Protein backbone atom coordinates (compact mmCIF):
# COMPACT_ATOMS: atom_id res chain seq x y z
CA MET A 1 -19.85 -17.51 19.39
CA PHE A 2 -19.86 -16.43 23.04
CA TYR A 3 -17.21 -19.07 23.79
CA ASN A 4 -14.99 -17.44 21.15
CA LEU A 5 -15.64 -14.01 22.66
CA LEU A 6 -14.73 -15.17 26.14
CA ILE A 7 -11.87 -17.59 25.40
CA ASN A 8 -10.40 -17.03 21.93
CA ALA A 9 -10.84 -13.28 21.42
CA PHE A 10 -7.56 -11.38 20.96
CA ASP A 11 -5.54 -14.59 20.96
CA PHE A 12 -3.17 -13.13 18.36
CA ALA A 13 -0.81 -16.10 18.44
CA ALA A 14 -3.59 -18.47 17.39
CA ILE A 15 -5.37 -16.07 15.05
CA PHE A 16 -2.25 -15.19 13.05
CA LYS A 17 -0.31 -18.43 13.43
CA THR A 18 -0.59 -19.06 9.69
CA ILE A 19 1.88 -16.23 9.07
CA ARG A 20 4.69 -18.71 9.74
CA THR A 21 3.50 -21.34 7.29
CA LYS A 22 1.42 -19.27 4.85
CA TRP A 23 3.46 -16.06 4.90
CA TYR A 24 3.24 -15.62 1.11
CA TYR A 25 -0.52 -15.05 1.39
CA TYR A 26 0.16 -12.11 3.66
CA VAL A 27 2.78 -10.77 1.25
CA ALA A 28 0.24 -11.01 -1.57
CA LEU A 29 -2.28 -9.24 0.65
CA ALA A 30 0.18 -6.41 1.37
CA VAL A 31 0.91 -5.97 -2.36
CA PHE A 32 -2.79 -5.95 -3.18
CA LEU A 33 -3.54 -3.34 -0.52
CA ILE A 34 -0.68 -1.12 -1.67
CA LEU A 35 -1.92 -1.25 -5.28
CA LEU A 36 -5.50 -0.60 -4.18
CA PHE A 37 -4.44 2.28 -1.94
CA SER A 38 -2.38 3.79 -4.76
CA PHE A 39 -5.27 3.64 -7.23
CA PHE A 40 -8.16 4.79 -5.08
CA PHE A 41 -6.47 7.26 -2.76
CA PHE A 42 -3.91 8.95 -5.02
CA LYS A 43 -5.95 9.03 -8.22
CA LYS A 44 -8.55 11.77 -8.29
CA GLN A 45 -11.95 10.14 -7.91
CA PRO A 46 -15.17 11.35 -9.52
CA LYS A 47 -17.37 13.23 -7.07
CA ARG A 48 -20.75 11.67 -6.26
CA TYR A 49 -21.76 13.73 -3.24
CA GLY A 50 -20.26 16.82 -1.66
CA LEU A 51 -18.78 15.05 1.36
CA THR A 52 -15.54 16.37 2.80
CA LYS A 53 -12.63 14.07 3.61
CA THR A 54 -13.35 14.52 7.31
CA GLN A 55 -16.94 13.42 6.80
CA LYS A 56 -15.80 10.44 4.75
CA ILE A 57 -13.40 9.36 7.49
CA CYS A 58 -16.21 9.66 10.04
CA TYR A 59 -18.46 7.52 7.87
CA VAL A 60 -15.63 4.98 7.41
CA SER A 61 -15.24 4.73 11.20
CA VAL A 62 -18.96 4.21 11.81
CA LEU A 63 -19.43 1.77 8.94
CA ALA A 64 -16.29 -0.19 9.83
CA ALA A 65 -17.70 -0.56 13.35
CA LEU A 66 -20.97 -1.85 11.85
CA ALA A 67 -19.04 -4.25 9.61
CA THR A 68 -17.13 -5.50 12.66
CA VAL A 69 -20.39 -6.08 14.54
CA SER A 70 -21.80 -7.90 11.49
CA ASN A 71 -18.79 -10.21 11.49
CA ILE A 72 -18.83 -10.75 15.25
CA PHE A 73 -22.52 -11.54 15.50
CA ASP A 74 -22.85 -13.60 12.34
CA ILE A 75 -24.72 -16.88 12.34
CA LYS A 76 -22.20 -19.67 11.91
CA ILE A 77 -23.59 -22.62 10.00
CA SER A 78 -20.18 -24.22 9.43
CA ASP A 79 -16.51 -23.16 9.25
CA GLU A 80 -16.88 -22.27 5.58
CA PHE A 81 -20.36 -20.70 5.73
CA GLN A 82 -21.71 -17.90 7.94
CA ILE A 83 -24.77 -15.69 7.58
CA SER A 84 -24.20 -11.97 8.04
CA LEU A 85 -25.14 -8.55 6.69
CA VAL A 86 -21.56 -7.46 6.00
CA ALA A 87 -22.38 -7.25 2.27
CA THR A 88 -25.08 -4.70 3.10
CA VAL A 89 -22.65 -2.59 5.12
CA GLY A 90 -20.13 -2.85 2.28
CA PHE A 91 -22.73 -1.76 -0.24
CA VAL A 92 -23.63 1.30 1.83
CA ALA A 93 -19.94 2.21 2.19
CA GLY A 94 -19.22 1.78 -1.51
CA TYR A 95 -22.40 3.61 -2.51
CA MET A 96 -21.71 6.59 -0.25
CA LEU A 97 -17.93 6.87 -0.30
CA GLY A 98 -16.55 5.03 -3.32
CA GLY A 99 -14.67 1.80 -3.92
CA GLY A 100 -11.50 2.55 -1.95
CA TYR A 101 -13.29 3.56 1.23
CA GLY A 102 -15.82 0.75 0.74
CA PHE A 103 -13.03 -1.81 0.57
CA ALA A 104 -11.41 -0.34 3.68
CA VAL A 105 -14.68 -0.55 5.64
CA CYS A 106 -15.26 -4.24 4.84
CA PHE A 107 -11.62 -5.27 5.16
CA ILE A 108 -11.25 -3.58 8.56
CA GLY A 109 -14.55 -5.09 9.69
CA ASP A 110 -13.43 -8.57 8.64
CA LEU A 111 -10.02 -8.19 10.34
CA LEU A 112 -11.42 -6.85 13.62
CA GLY A 113 -14.19 -9.44 13.56
CA ALA A 114 -11.60 -12.20 13.14
CA ILE A 115 -9.68 -10.86 16.13
CA ILE A 116 -12.69 -10.43 18.43
CA ASN A 117 -14.69 -13.49 17.35
CA PRO A 118 -12.25 -15.83 15.56
CA HIS A 119 -13.40 -18.84 13.56
CA GLY A 120 -9.85 -20.15 13.34
CA PRO A 121 -6.62 -18.68 11.94
CA TYR A 122 -7.03 -15.46 9.96
CA ASN A 123 -7.30 -16.01 6.21
CA PRO A 124 -6.13 -12.91 4.28
CA ILE A 125 -7.67 -14.17 1.05
CA ILE A 126 -11.09 -14.15 2.70
CA GLY A 127 -10.26 -10.65 3.94
CA ILE A 128 -9.73 -9.49 0.34
CA GLY A 129 -12.98 -11.13 -0.70
CA THR A 130 -14.88 -9.38 2.08
CA GLY A 131 -13.33 -6.06 1.09
CA LEU A 132 -14.67 -6.48 -2.43
CA TRP A 133 -18.23 -6.23 -1.10
CA GLY A 134 -17.45 -2.54 -0.58
CA LEU A 135 -15.28 -2.03 -3.63
CA ILE A 136 -17.64 -3.46 -6.28
CA PRO A 137 -20.64 -1.15 -5.61
CA GLY A 138 -18.25 1.78 -5.25
CA VAL A 139 -16.90 1.20 -8.74
CA ALA A 140 -20.39 0.54 -10.16
CA PHE A 141 -21.97 3.71 -8.76
CA PHE A 142 -19.04 6.09 -9.19
CA TYR A 143 -17.86 5.12 -12.67
CA PHE A 144 -20.99 4.02 -14.54
CA LYS A 145 -24.26 5.71 -15.41
CA GLY A 146 -27.67 4.09 -15.32
CA ASN A 147 -30.56 3.06 -13.12
CA GLU A 148 -29.47 2.70 -9.50
CA TYR A 149 -31.59 -0.38 -8.91
CA VAL A 150 -29.97 -2.08 -11.90
CA LYS A 151 -26.51 -1.14 -10.63
CA THR A 152 -27.42 -2.52 -7.21
CA ALA A 153 -28.46 -5.83 -8.74
CA ILE A 154 -25.33 -5.95 -10.91
CA SER A 155 -23.15 -5.25 -7.86
CA PHE A 156 -24.55 -8.24 -6.01
CA VAL A 157 -24.41 -10.53 -9.06
CA ILE A 158 -20.73 -9.69 -9.51
CA GLY A 159 -20.17 -9.98 -5.76
CA PHE A 160 -21.70 -13.43 -5.63
CA LEU A 161 -19.73 -14.71 -8.61
CA LEU A 162 -16.42 -13.07 -7.69
CA VAL A 163 -16.53 -13.32 -3.89
CA SER A 164 -18.89 -16.11 -2.80
CA ALA A 165 -18.30 -18.49 -5.72
CA GLY A 166 -14.73 -17.40 -6.40
CA ILE A 167 -12.32 -15.84 -3.92
CA ASN A 168 -13.82 -17.35 -0.78
CA ILE A 169 -13.72 -20.88 -2.16
CA VAL A 170 -10.19 -20.37 -3.46
CA GLY A 171 -9.15 -18.98 -0.07
CA PHE A 172 -10.38 -22.03 1.81
CA CYS A 173 -8.88 -24.48 -0.69
CA LEU A 174 -5.46 -22.79 -0.66
CA MET A 175 -5.29 -22.23 3.07
CA TYR A 176 -6.62 -25.67 4.03
CA PRO A 177 -5.94 -28.03 1.09
CA THR A 178 -6.20 -31.08 3.34
CA TYR A 179 -9.71 -30.30 4.54
CA TYR A 180 -11.41 -28.42 1.68
CA THR A 181 -11.79 -29.05 -2.04
CA PHE A 182 -13.76 -27.23 -4.72
CA GLU A 183 -16.15 -30.17 -4.95
CA ALA A 184 -16.79 -30.14 -1.21
CA LEU A 185 -17.48 -26.39 -1.09
CA LEU A 186 -19.68 -26.08 -4.17
CA PRO A 187 -22.82 -27.40 -2.36
CA THR A 188 -22.66 -24.34 -0.06
CA LEU A 189 -23.26 -21.95 -2.98
CA PRO A 190 -27.09 -22.18 -2.99
CA LEU A 191 -27.14 -21.17 0.68
CA LYS A 192 -24.68 -18.36 0.01
CA LEU A 193 -26.87 -17.21 -2.87
CA VAL A 194 -29.85 -16.91 -0.50
CA VAL A 195 -27.78 -14.77 1.88
CA VAL A 196 -26.63 -12.56 -1.02
CA LEU A 197 -30.23 -12.15 -2.22
CA VAL A 198 -31.34 -11.09 1.29
CA ASN A 199 -28.54 -8.50 1.42
CA CYS A 200 -29.48 -7.34 -2.08
CA ALA A 201 -33.13 -6.92 -1.10
CA VAL A 202 -32.14 -4.84 1.94
CA CYS A 203 -29.94 -2.62 -0.21
CA MET A 204 -32.69 -2.16 -2.81
CA GLY A 205 -34.69 -0.54 -0.04
CA LEU A 206 -31.78 1.51 1.25
CA ILE A 207 -30.95 3.27 -2.02
CA SER A 208 -34.23 5.17 -1.79
CA VAL A 209 -33.15 6.56 1.59
CA LEU A 210 -29.37 6.95 1.38
CA PRO A 211 -29.28 9.89 -1.08
CA ARG A 212 -31.41 12.01 1.25
CA ILE A 213 -29.15 11.21 4.21
CA ILE A 214 -25.98 12.01 2.28
CA LYS A 215 -27.36 15.19 0.73
CA ARG A 216 -28.55 16.38 4.15
CA THR A 217 -25.03 15.83 5.50
CA ALA A 218 -23.55 17.72 2.56
CA ILE A 219 -26.01 20.61 2.98
CA GLU A 220 -25.29 20.88 6.71
CA ASN A 221 -21.56 20.93 5.93
CA SER A 222 -22.13 23.69 3.37
CA ASP A 223 -24.16 25.76 5.87
CA ASN A 224 -21.47 25.35 8.53
CA ASN A 225 -18.81 26.60 6.14
CA GLN A 226 -20.72 29.76 5.26
């Protein structure tokens, strides 16, 4: 990791060299982001807490920084498997701010992490998968009613199936068809499941604290506006 930070960090030519040969992945990424931006930022979203846009942007900045740190200081087991708490940061962002902002937090954190501590050429498909760790809980908590612990568990179940067992594996197989196959990557899923369960357990504890933090911020904002 420290070798990457000292030698490979900000080597944009090496990090984004796949643009020349895999340019269509970046086009697909751009289309996806435009559609996501259009849906979550132009459509009126249901209000969960009384946070202003300025407060939301501040939270996005702080949480994106935390997501970046989580990606930089992950524990690399292999090229296709790293241990990090980025799913926890994504959950907090989605829970507090909604799916659009949650996706932005995780996507920015993944991109900046890939630039500062690269594990090889940037893979935009993995970037989308990482962003979904913030989008999924945002959709679950903003659009559906029910017990928050149940929605937390459902968010991580969907995240594991869609991201860990789906998009990430597809991303590696499409970007590096010579080196990775579905059969070769499937044995990593039990380890990924353990990491997801750890993140889920952390978030189960956080949801008892986060509402008080958010409401306090909203109350302070209301007092300042009076």
